[in-house]
N, C-alpha and C. Protein backbone atom coordinates (compact mmCIF):
# COMPACT_ATOMS: atom_id res chain seq x y z
N UNK A 1 21.29 13.68 -11.66
CA UNK A 1 20.06 13.59 -11.61
C UNK A 1 19.68 12.61 -10.64
N UNK A 2 18.64 12.74 -10.08
CA UNK A 2 18.12 11.61 -9.27
C UNK A 2 17.53 10.56 -9.56
N UNK A 3 17.75 9.40 -8.99
CA UNK A 3 17.04 8.10 -9.16
C UNK A 3 16.08 7.79 -8.62
N UNK A 4 14.80 7.25 -9.34
CA UNK A 4 13.56 6.90 -8.95
C UNK A 4 13.36 5.41 -9.20
N UNK A 5 13.13 4.49 -8.35
CA UNK A 5 12.85 3.15 -8.60
C UNK A 5 11.16 3.00 -8.00
N UNK A 6 11.05 2.04 -9.02
CA UNK A 6 9.55 1.38 -8.81
C UNK A 6 9.73 -0.01 -8.52
N UNK A 7 9.09 -0.20 -7.41
CA UNK A 7 9.38 -1.87 -6.74
C UNK A 7 7.99 -1.98 -6.26
N UNK A 8 7.92 -3.57 -6.71
CA UNK A 8 6.66 -3.96 -6.32
C UNK A 8 6.84 -4.83 -4.99
N UNK A 9 6.88 -4.51 -3.74
CA UNK A 9 7.24 -4.94 -2.59
C UNK A 9 6.38 -5.87 -2.13
N UNK A 10 7.02 -7.43 -1.99
CA UNK A 10 6.44 -8.75 -1.99
C UNK A 10 5.40 -8.36 -0.45
N UNK A 11 4.71 -9.06 0.15
CA UNK A 11 3.72 -9.19 0.91
C UNK A 11 5.16 -10.09 2.02
N UNK A 12 5.07 -9.57 3.00
CA UNK A 12 5.85 -10.05 4.36
C UNK A 12 7.03 -9.41 4.35
N UNK A 13 7.42 -8.50 3.28
CA UNK A 13 8.92 -8.09 2.97
C UNK A 13 8.63 -6.43 3.68
N UNK A 14 9.66 -6.35 4.79
CA UNK A 14 9.92 -5.04 5.50
C UNK A 14 10.26 -4.17 4.43
N UNK A 15 9.66 -2.92 4.87
CA UNK A 15 9.80 -1.57 3.72
C UNK A 15 11.37 -1.21 4.53
N UNK A 16 12.41 -1.27 4.76
CA UNK A 16 13.39 -1.31 5.46
C UNK A 16 14.25 -2.05 4.43
N UNK A 17 15.91 -1.74 4.84
CA UNK A 17 17.03 -2.79 3.99
C UNK A 17 17.26 -3.61 5.11
N UNK A 18 17.47 -3.52 6.14
CA UNK A 18 17.66 -4.57 7.75
C UNK A 18 16.75 -4.64 8.81
N UNK A 19 16.76 -5.41 9.13
CA UNK A 19 15.77 -6.00 10.39
C UNK A 19 16.27 -6.08 11.78
N UNK A 20 16.97 -5.19 11.77
CA UNK A 20 17.76 -5.07 13.59
C UNK A 20 16.67 -4.97 14.71
N UNK A 21 15.78 -5.16 14.56
CA UNK A 21 14.75 -5.15 16.22
C UNK A 21 14.69 -6.73 16.51
N UNK A 22 14.28 -7.71 15.12
CA UNK A 22 14.03 -9.01 15.29
C UNK A 22 14.99 -10.12 15.30
N UNK A 23 15.43 -10.85 16.54
CA UNK A 23 16.30 -12.00 17.01
C UNK A 23 16.42 -12.86 15.77
N UNK A 24 15.09 -13.04 15.01
CA UNK A 24 15.67 -13.96 13.51
C UNK A 24 14.87 -12.94 12.44
N UNK A 25 15.94 -12.30 11.80
CA UNK A 25 15.71 -11.10 10.61
C UNK A 25 14.62 -12.00 9.95
N UNK A 26 13.53 -10.79 9.25
CA UNK A 26 12.50 -10.97 8.93
C UNK A 26 13.02 -10.76 7.14
N UNK A 27 12.58 -11.11 6.05
CA UNK A 27 12.80 -10.34 4.50
C UNK A 27 12.41 -9.10 4.90
N UNK A 28 13.75 -8.30 4.27
CA UNK A 28 13.99 -6.95 3.99
C UNK A 28 14.43 -6.64 2.31
N UNK A 29 14.19 -5.20 2.06
CA UNK A 29 14.58 -4.59 1.15
C UNK A 29 15.83 -5.05 0.82
N UNK A 30 16.86 -5.53 1.23
CA UNK A 30 18.33 -5.75 1.04
C UNK A 30 18.48 -6.82 0.20
N UNK A 31 17.19 -7.99 0.48
CA UNK A 31 17.34 -9.20 -0.21
C UNK A 31 16.80 -9.02 -1.74
N UNK A 32 16.46 -7.47 -2.19
CA UNK A 32 15.85 -7.64 -3.66
C UNK A 32 16.94 -7.18 -4.60
N UNK A 33 17.94 -7.02 -4.31
CA UNK A 33 18.94 -6.60 -5.88
C UNK A 33 18.96 -4.93 -5.48
N UNK A 34 18.68 -4.13 -5.08
CA UNK A 34 18.03 -2.75 -5.27
C UNK A 34 19.62 -2.46 -5.49
N UNK A 35 19.56 -0.85 -5.89
CA UNK A 35 21.14 0.02 -6.26
C UNK A 35 21.38 0.29 -4.70
N UNK A 36 22.26 0.57 -4.56
CA UNK A 36 23.11 1.11 -3.17
C UNK A 36 22.99 2.72 -3.81
N UNK A 37 22.70 3.41 -2.42
CA UNK A 37 21.90 4.54 -2.27
C UNK A 37 20.51 5.12 -2.56
N UNK A 38 19.83 4.18 -2.69
CA UNK A 38 18.28 4.62 -2.57
C UNK A 38 17.71 4.41 -1.62
N UNK A 39 16.54 4.80 -0.80
CA UNK A 39 16.10 4.78 0.21
C UNK A 39 14.33 4.81 -0.27
N UNK A 40 13.38 4.27 0.42
CA UNK A 40 12.15 4.33 0.29
C UNK A 40 11.51 5.58 0.80
N UNK A 41 10.46 6.12 -0.08
CA UNK A 41 9.60 7.26 -0.41
C UNK A 41 8.49 6.86 0.42
N UNK A 42 8.43 6.83 1.87
CA UNK A 42 7.08 6.33 2.36
C UNK A 42 7.50 5.29 2.82
N UNK A 43 6.26 4.29 3.20
CA UNK A 43 6.23 3.07 3.86
C UNK A 43 5.56 1.76 3.69
N UNK A 44 5.53 0.91 3.42
CA UNK A 44 4.21 0.00 2.84
C UNK A 44 4.39 -1.30 4.13
N UNK A 45 3.19 -1.58 4.99
CA UNK A 45 3.36 -2.60 5.85
C UNK A 45 3.82 -3.76 5.38
N UNK A 46 4.35 -4.38 6.27
CA UNK A 46 5.14 -5.95 6.11
C UNK A 46 3.87 -6.46 5.44
N UNK A 47 2.48 -6.63 5.95
CA UNK A 47 1.35 -7.66 5.41
C UNK A 47 0.92 -6.90 4.38
N UNK A 48 1.36 -5.85 3.68
CA UNK A 48 0.88 -5.26 2.45
C UNK A 48 1.69 -5.23 1.01
N UNK A 49 1.16 -5.20 0.20
CA UNK A 49 1.85 -5.39 -0.91
C UNK A 49 2.09 -4.63 -1.88
N UNK A 50 2.84 -4.30 -2.86
CA UNK A 50 2.58 -3.32 -4.28
C UNK A 50 3.61 -2.04 -4.02
N UNK A 51 3.23 -1.25 -4.41
CA UNK A 51 4.18 -0.26 -5.06
C UNK A 51 4.62 1.06 -3.83
N UNK A 52 6.08 0.55 -3.75
CA UNK A 52 7.13 1.59 -3.01
C UNK A 52 7.99 1.97 -3.78
N UNK A 53 8.12 3.16 -3.52
CA UNK A 53 9.06 4.16 -4.47
C UNK A 53 10.40 4.21 -3.58
N UNK A 54 11.41 4.44 -4.40
CA UNK A 54 13.05 4.59 -3.46
C UNK A 54 13.55 5.57 -4.77
N UNK A 55 14.53 6.30 -3.79
CA UNK A 55 15.22 7.44 -4.49
C UNK A 55 16.31 7.81 -3.59
N UNK A 56 17.05 8.54 -4.21
CA UNK A 56 18.59 9.03 -3.96
C UNK A 56 18.07 10.63 -3.36
N UNK A 57 17.05 11.33 -3.66
CA UNK A 57 16.96 12.41 -3.76
C UNK A 57 15.87 12.56 -2.52
N UNK A 58 16.52 13.77 -1.34
CA UNK A 58 15.80 13.65 -0.45
C UNK A 58 14.38 14.83 -0.66
N UNK A 59 14.80 15.99 -1.64
CA UNK A 59 13.53 16.57 -1.90
C UNK A 59 12.23 16.10 -2.73
N UNK A 60 12.78 15.05 -3.56
CA UNK A 60 11.89 14.04 -4.09
C UNK A 60 11.67 12.85 -3.12
N UNK A 61 11.92 12.27 -1.94
CA UNK A 61 11.48 11.38 -1.47
C UNK A 61 10.18 12.29 -0.18
N UNK A 62 10.42 13.58 0.19
CA UNK A 62 9.78 14.16 0.54
C UNK A 62 8.60 14.77 -0.07
N UNK A 63 8.67 14.88 -1.32
CA UNK A 63 7.39 15.76 -2.24
C UNK A 63 6.29 14.27 -2.42
N UNK A 64 7.14 12.83 -2.32
CA UNK A 64 6.06 11.52 -1.93
C UNK A 64 5.89 11.44 -0.74
N UNK A 65 6.46 11.18 0.16
CA UNK A 65 5.94 10.87 1.14
C UNK A 65 5.21 11.62 2.26
N UNK A 66 5.49 12.89 2.14
CA UNK A 66 5.39 13.62 3.28
C UNK A 66 3.20 14.41 2.94
N UNK A 67 2.37 13.90 3.89
CA UNK A 67 1.18 14.34 3.84
C UNK A 67 0.58 15.50 2.89
N UNK A 68 1.65 16.82 3.42
CA UNK A 68 1.28 18.19 3.35
C UNK A 68 1.56 18.03 1.91
N UNK A 69 1.97 17.25 0.93
CA UNK A 69 2.02 17.15 -0.58
C UNK A 69 0.60 16.93 -1.25
N UNK A 70 0.07 16.19 -0.47
CA UNK A 70 -1.36 15.37 -0.94
C UNK A 70 -1.07 14.57 -2.40
N UNK A 71 0.05 14.16 -2.03
CA UNK A 71 0.51 12.91 -3.18
C UNK A 71 -0.76 11.83 -3.05
N UNK A 72 -1.84 11.74 -4.00
CA UNK A 72 -2.74 10.31 -3.96
C UNK A 72 -1.88 9.19 -4.07
N UNK A 73 -2.51 8.18 -3.32
CA UNK A 73 -2.12 7.02 -3.18
C UNK A 73 -3.01 6.15 -3.43
N UNK A 74 -3.24 5.04 -4.57
CA UNK A 74 -4.69 4.40 -4.86
C UNK A 74 -4.10 2.76 -4.07
N UNK A 75 -5.04 2.27 -3.50
CA UNK A 75 -5.18 0.72 -2.93
C UNK A 75 -6.22 0.21 -3.36
N UNK A 76 -5.74 -1.44 -3.39
CA UNK A 76 -6.71 -2.46 -3.71
C UNK A 76 -6.91 -2.79 -2.71
N UNK A 77 -8.34 -3.00 -2.12
CA UNK A 77 -8.34 -3.93 -0.53
C UNK A 77 -9.55 -4.70 -1.18
N UNK A 78 -8.99 -6.02 -0.74
CA UNK A 78 -9.97 -7.27 -0.50
C UNK A 78 -10.61 -7.19 0.95
N UNK A 79 -11.52 -6.99 1.21
CA UNK A 79 -12.05 -6.90 2.55
C UNK A 79 -13.34 -7.96 2.44
N UNK A 80 -13.47 -8.37 3.84
CA UNK A 80 -14.26 -9.39 4.35
C UNK A 80 -16.04 -8.60 4.46
N UNK A 81 -16.95 -9.03 3.79
CA UNK A 81 -18.24 -8.84 3.81
C UNK A 81 -18.10 -8.52 2.27
N UNK A 82 -19.64 -7.86 1.93
CA UNK A 82 -20.02 -7.62 0.48
C UNK A 82 -20.43 -5.90 0.55
N UNK A 83 -19.93 -5.09 0.95
CA UNK A 83 -19.77 -3.86 0.96
C UNK A 83 -21.00 -3.25 -0.14
N UNK A 84 -21.73 -2.81 0.71
CA UNK A 84 -22.97 -1.26 -0.06
C UNK A 84 -22.67 -0.52 -0.17
N UNK A 85 -23.11 0.35 -1.27
CA UNK A 85 -22.57 1.77 -0.76
C UNK A 85 -22.72 2.27 0.13
N UNK A 86 -24.23 2.40 1.27
CA UNK A 86 -24.42 2.79 2.45
C UNK A 86 -22.90 2.51 3.40
N UNK A 87 -22.57 1.23 3.32
CA UNK A 87 -20.86 0.98 3.75
C UNK A 87 -19.74 1.78 3.68
N UNK A 88 -19.71 2.39 2.15
CA UNK A 88 -18.97 3.12 1.78
C UNK A 88 -19.02 4.38 2.14
N UNK A 89 -20.03 4.86 2.29
CA UNK A 89 -20.19 6.53 2.38
C UNK A 89 -19.60 6.63 3.83
N UNK A 90 -19.31 6.02 4.71
CA UNK A 90 -18.27 7.05 6.23
C UNK A 90 -16.95 6.95 5.87
N UNK A 91 -15.95 6.28 4.89
CA UNK A 91 -15.01 5.94 4.22
C UNK A 91 -14.99 7.62 3.45
N UNK A 92 -16.45 7.84 2.24
CA UNK A 92 -16.01 8.79 1.52
C UNK A 92 -15.93 10.19 2.60
N UNK A 93 -16.88 9.85 3.75
CA UNK A 93 -16.74 11.28 4.83
C UNK A 93 -15.34 12.00 5.60
N UNK A 94 -14.57 10.51 5.50
CA UNK A 94 -13.87 10.45 6.64
C UNK A 94 -14.27 9.67 7.72
N UNK A 95 -13.55 8.80 7.86
CA UNK A 95 -13.70 8.23 9.76
C UNK A 95 -13.09 8.81 11.20
N UNK A 96 -13.19 8.62 12.14
CA UNK A 96 -12.83 8.53 13.17
C UNK A 96 -11.59 7.43 13.91
N UNK A 97 -10.67 7.55 13.66
CA UNK A 97 -9.43 6.49 13.85
C UNK A 97 -9.04 6.98 15.28
N UNK A 98 -8.54 6.18 16.21
CA UNK A 98 -7.64 6.04 17.30
C UNK A 98 -6.80 7.57 17.25
N UNK A 99 -6.38 7.75 16.16
CA UNK A 99 -5.16 8.70 16.08
C UNK A 99 -5.74 10.35 15.54
N UNK A 100 -7.07 10.30 15.60
CA UNK A 100 -8.27 11.51 14.76
C UNK A 100 -8.82 10.59 13.77
N UNK A 101 -9.52 11.95 13.39
CA UNK A 101 -10.56 11.94 11.98
C UNK A 101 -9.45 11.42 10.71
N UNK A 102 -9.74 10.94 9.77
CA UNK A 102 -9.24 10.84 8.65
C UNK A 102 -10.13 12.02 7.34
N UNK A 103 -8.74 12.13 6.62
CA UNK A 103 -9.63 12.87 5.35
C UNK A 103 -10.33 11.95 4.47
N UNK A 104 -11.38 12.71 4.15
CA UNK A 104 -12.33 11.66 2.90
C UNK A 104 -11.55 11.13 2.00
N UNK A 105 -12.02 9.38 1.56
CA UNK A 105 -11.26 9.08 0.51
C UNK A 105 -12.14 9.14 -0.13
N UNK A 106 -11.86 8.57 -1.95
CA UNK A 106 -12.42 8.38 -2.63
C UNK A 106 -12.40 6.39 -3.01
N UNK A 107 -13.64 6.24 -2.96
CA UNK A 107 -13.56 4.66 -2.70
C UNK A 107 -14.85 4.25 -3.50
N UNK A 108 -14.78 2.83 -4.19
CA UNK A 108 -15.28 2.28 -5.10
C UNK A 108 -15.13 0.94 -5.30
N UNK A 109 -16.28 0.26 -5.22
CA UNK A 109 -16.17 -1.11 -5.47
C UNK A 109 -15.51 -1.16 -6.87
N UNK A 110 -14.95 -2.51 -6.77
CA UNK A 110 -14.17 -2.78 -8.32
C UNK A 110 -14.17 -4.59 -8.17
N UNK A 111 -14.40 -4.99 -9.40
CA UNK A 111 -14.39 -6.45 -9.76
C UNK A 111 -13.16 -6.79 -8.93
N UNK A 112 -12.91 -8.06 -8.90
CA UNK A 112 -11.58 -8.62 -8.36
C UNK A 112 -10.52 -8.52 -9.23
N UNK A 113 -9.34 -7.68 -8.89
CA UNK A 113 -8.58 -7.57 -10.29
C UNK A 113 -7.57 -8.87 -10.36
N UNK A 114 -6.77 -8.84 -11.41
CA UNK A 114 -6.00 -9.95 -11.89
C UNK A 114 -4.62 -9.68 -11.48
N UNK A 115 -4.30 -10.33 -10.05
CA UNK A 115 -3.39 -9.79 -9.72
C UNK A 115 -2.39 -10.90 -9.21
N UNK A 116 -0.82 -11.32 -8.99
CA UNK A 116 -0.30 -12.06 -9.03
C UNK A 116 -0.46 -12.93 -7.50
N UNK A 117 -0.29 -14.28 -7.71
CA UNK A 117 -0.91 -14.86 -6.24
C UNK A 117 0.04 -14.54 -5.22
N UNK A 118 -0.89 -14.72 -4.02
CA UNK A 118 -0.02 -13.83 -2.92
C UNK A 118 0.69 -15.29 -2.27
N UNK A 119 1.70 -15.24 -1.29
CA UNK A 119 2.28 -16.02 -0.77
C UNK A 119 2.57 -15.22 0.79
N UNK A 120 1.92 -16.41 1.79
CA UNK A 120 0.87 -17.56 1.73
C UNK A 120 -0.32 -16.64 1.03
N UNK A 121 -1.13 -17.63 0.50
CA UNK A 121 -2.79 -16.95 0.14
C UNK A 121 -3.51 -16.63 0.87
N UNK A 122 -4.80 -16.02 0.73
CA UNK A 122 -5.79 -15.34 1.54
C UNK A 122 -6.43 -16.46 1.96
N UNK A 123 -6.83 -16.92 3.38
CA UNK A 123 -7.45 -18.13 3.62
C UNK A 123 -9.20 -17.59 3.16
N UNK A 124 -9.75 -18.56 2.58
CA UNK A 124 -11.15 -18.25 1.26
C UNK A 124 -12.24 -19.15 3.00
N UNK A 125 -13.28 -18.42 3.16
CA UNK A 125 -13.89 -19.19 3.98
C UNK A 125 -15.18 -19.03 3.27
N UNK A 126 -15.85 -20.30 2.89
CA UNK A 126 -16.96 -20.48 1.77
C UNK A 126 -18.06 -19.54 2.45
N UNK A 127 -18.45 -19.63 3.84
CA UNK A 127 -19.50 -18.95 4.31
C UNK A 127 -19.65 -17.51 4.20
N UNK A 128 -18.17 -16.74 3.97
CA UNK A 128 -18.22 -15.27 4.32
C UNK A 128 -17.90 -14.74 3.00
N UNK A 129 -18.86 -13.99 2.65
CA UNK A 129 -18.26 -13.21 1.03
C UNK A 129 -17.01 -12.06 1.57
N UNK A 130 -16.72 -11.92 0.22
CA UNK A 130 -15.85 -10.46 0.21
C UNK A 130 -16.12 -9.63 -0.59
N UNK A 131 -15.18 -8.92 -0.69
CA UNK A 131 -15.42 -8.11 -2.05
C UNK A 131 -14.15 -7.15 -2.21
N UNK A 132 -13.73 -6.44 -3.29
CA UNK A 132 -12.60 -5.17 -3.62
C UNK A 132 -12.96 -4.11 -3.63
N UNK A 133 -12.46 -3.23 -3.13
CA UNK A 133 -12.24 -1.87 -3.06
C UNK A 133 -11.47 -1.25 -3.65
N UNK A 134 -11.12 -0.12 -4.40
CA UNK A 134 -10.22 0.97 -4.58
C UNK A 134 -10.58 1.93 -3.75
N UNK A 135 -9.30 2.46 -3.15
CA UNK A 135 -9.39 3.54 -2.07
C UNK A 135 -7.99 4.09 -2.00
N UNK A 136 -8.86 5.52 -2.48
CA UNK A 136 -7.51 6.73 -2.86
C UNK A 136 -7.75 7.61 -1.59
N UNK A 137 -6.33 7.99 -1.02
CA UNK A 137 -5.90 8.87 0.13
C UNK A 137 -4.93 9.34 -0.47
N UNK A 138 -4.72 10.97 0.43
CA UNK A 138 -3.48 11.61 0.35
C UNK A 138 -2.52 11.71 1.43
N UNK A 139 -3.29 10.61 2.80
CA UNK A 139 -2.62 10.98 4.02
C UNK A 139 -1.87 9.72 4.01
N UNK A 140 -1.11 9.24 5.04
CA UNK A 140 -0.31 8.21 5.06
C UNK A 140 0.26 7.77 6.48
N UNK A 141 -1.07 7.71 7.29
CA UNK A 141 -0.96 7.02 8.82
C UNK A 141 -0.45 5.63 8.71
N UNK A 142 -0.13 5.28 9.61
CA UNK A 142 0.66 3.80 9.92
C UNK A 142 -0.81 3.09 9.66
N UNK A 143 -0.98 1.89 9.04
CA UNK A 143 -1.48 1.14 8.69
C UNK A 143 -3.17 1.61 8.36
N UNK A 144 -3.37 2.84 7.59
CA UNK A 144 -4.58 3.72 7.86
C UNK A 144 -5.96 3.23 7.26
N UNK A 145 -5.48 2.44 5.97
CA UNK A 145 -6.59 1.95 4.85
C UNK A 145 -7.03 0.52 5.62
N UNK A 146 -6.34 0.00 6.17
CA UNK A 146 -6.65 -1.26 7.41
C UNK A 146 -7.53 -0.72 8.48
N UNK A 147 -7.30 0.25 9.03
CA UNK A 147 -7.57 0.80 10.13
C UNK A 147 -9.31 1.41 9.67
N UNK A 148 -9.00 2.19 8.34
CA UNK A 148 -10.72 2.72 8.10
C UNK A 148 -11.33 1.62 7.62
N UNK A 149 -10.98 0.48 7.23
CA UNK A 149 -11.61 -0.33 6.75
C UNK A 149 -12.78 -1.21 7.81
N UNK A 150 -11.74 -1.50 8.68
CA UNK A 150 -11.94 -2.32 10.37
C UNK A 150 -13.02 -1.12 10.96
N UNK A 151 -12.85 0.14 10.75
CA UNK A 151 -13.77 1.31 11.47
C UNK A 151 -15.12 0.94 11.00
N UNK A 152 -15.52 0.73 9.43
CA UNK A 152 -16.81 0.36 8.87
C UNK A 152 -16.93 -0.98 9.19
N UNK A 153 -16.19 -1.93 9.52
CA UNK A 153 -16.83 -3.48 9.34
C UNK A 153 -16.52 -4.24 8.46
N UNK A 154 -15.27 -3.35 7.72
CA UNK A 154 -15.18 -4.52 6.48
C UNK A 154 -13.33 -4.92 6.80
N UNK A 155 -13.32 -5.43 7.57
CA UNK A 155 -11.87 -6.03 7.84
C UNK A 155 -10.76 -5.94 6.18
N UNK A 156 -9.84 -5.67 6.67
CA UNK A 156 -9.40 -6.20 5.19
C UNK A 156 -8.27 -7.23 5.16
N UNK A 157 -8.59 -8.01 4.14
CA UNK A 157 -7.84 -9.61 4.17
C UNK A 157 -6.57 -9.07 2.98
N UNK A 158 -6.68 -8.50 2.15
CA UNK A 158 -5.26 -8.05 1.19
C UNK A 158 -5.31 -6.89 0.56
N UNK A 159 -4.07 -6.54 1.16
CA UNK A 159 -3.85 -4.84 0.74
C UNK A 159 -3.01 -4.54 -0.25
N UNK A 160 -3.11 -4.08 -1.44
CA UNK A 160 -2.11 -4.09 -2.71
C UNK A 160 -2.24 -2.61 -2.88
N UNK A 161 -1.13 -2.00 -2.66
CA UNK A 161 -1.11 -0.38 -2.93
C UNK A 161 -0.66 -0.46 -4.96
N UNK A 162 -1.26 0.06 -5.61
CA UNK A 162 -1.57 0.18 -6.86
C UNK A 162 -0.60 1.29 -7.20
N UNK A 163 -0.70 2.41 -6.62
CA UNK A 163 -0.39 3.85 -7.53
C UNK A 163 -0.10 4.41 -6.52
N UNK A 164 0.91 5.57 -6.89
CA UNK A 164 1.20 6.77 -5.93
C UNK A 164 1.51 7.61 -7.04
N UNK A 165 0.58 8.91 -6.84
CA UNK A 165 0.59 9.89 -7.99
C UNK A 165 0.71 9.30 -9.39
N UNK A 166 1.58 9.68 -10.16
CA UNK A 166 1.24 9.22 -11.62
C UNK A 166 2.07 7.32 -11.80
N UNK A 167 2.64 7.02 -10.80
CA UNK A 167 3.15 5.87 -10.57
C UNK A 167 2.69 4.52 -10.41
N UNK A 168 2.63 3.44 -11.17
CA UNK A 168 2.12 2.25 -10.79
C UNK A 168 2.76 0.88 -10.74
N UNK A 169 2.42 0.17 -10.42
CA UNK A 169 3.14 -1.35 -10.02
C UNK A 169 2.75 -2.19 -11.13
N UNK A 170 1.97 -1.71 -12.09
CA UNK A 170 1.76 -2.38 -13.15
C UNK A 170 2.63 -2.63 -14.29
N UNK A 171 2.81 -4.76 -13.98
CA UNK A 171 3.78 -4.93 -15.16
C UNK A 171 5.06 -5.50 -14.15
N UNK A 172 5.31 -5.31 -12.81
CA UNK A 172 6.11 -5.64 -12.14
C UNK A 172 5.36 -6.93 -11.49
N UNK A 173 6.30 -7.92 -11.07
CA UNK A 173 6.37 -9.07 -10.63
C UNK A 173 6.53 -8.91 -9.02
N UNK A 174 6.78 -9.27 -7.86
CA UNK A 174 6.53 -9.04 -6.19
C UNK A 174 8.36 -9.46 -6.23
N UNK A 175 8.71 -8.49 -5.85
CA UNK A 175 10.11 -8.24 -5.80
C UNK A 175 11.02 -7.58 -7.04
N UNK A 176 10.01 -7.33 -7.95
CA UNK A 176 10.45 -6.65 -9.31
C UNK A 176 11.01 -5.52 -9.24
N UNK A 177 11.64 -4.75 -9.82
CA UNK A 177 11.76 -3.33 -9.83
C UNK A 177 12.07 -2.71 -11.25
N UNK A 178 12.19 -1.55 -11.36
CA UNK A 178 12.65 -0.66 -12.58
C UNK A 178 13.15 0.86 -12.44
N UNK A 179 14.22 1.18 -13.02
CA UNK A 179 14.39 2.34 -12.67
C UNK A 179 13.44 3.38 -13.44
N UNK A 180 12.99 4.63 -13.50
CA UNK A 180 12.75 5.36 -14.58
C UNK A 180 13.03 6.49 -14.29
N UNK A 181 12.63 7.71 -15.12
CA UNK A 181 13.27 8.96 -15.09
C UNK A 181 12.72 9.81 -14.32
N UNK A 182 13.34 10.10 -12.96
CA UNK A 182 12.95 11.16 -12.11
C UNK A 182 12.11 12.25 -12.34
N UNK A 183 11.15 12.97 -11.72
CA UNK A 183 10.71 14.08 -12.35
C UNK A 183 11.61 15.21 -11.94
């Protein structure tokens, strides 16, 4: 039976088990006490937080990570600025990035979610407002959500992946994980 692990990847942790490229290794998945033989189904940038799925089943890994399967991923993005509906329309239509146009995203403003504190915290600027967006995409390009929000003039300050398909990070503290029944 396939293993499936839901992990709340902390800010600053790599989505791999070792950091072979850096002369002074950065935090990686190996420090989180995960079981042997599981591997990430997709990536989450070092400066992003939230749900990362790990499995020991190659087919399940492909179904989760490969864009052709169109598994939706939900992100909560704290952005610089006070986004209006007009600001969000380009994201809903798809924006052009340096590697081509994105698929349309589902985007809506949300109230600031009740999340764990980030370490280090986001720098607060008294003169610059910020807002929270829920962004749902089914692609998985490198730093895609950050690049999309920047393309419409709303730089991302904090990015949390809350959901992948039917699985959420709810109830997991940063670095926490749980094994669930694989589909």
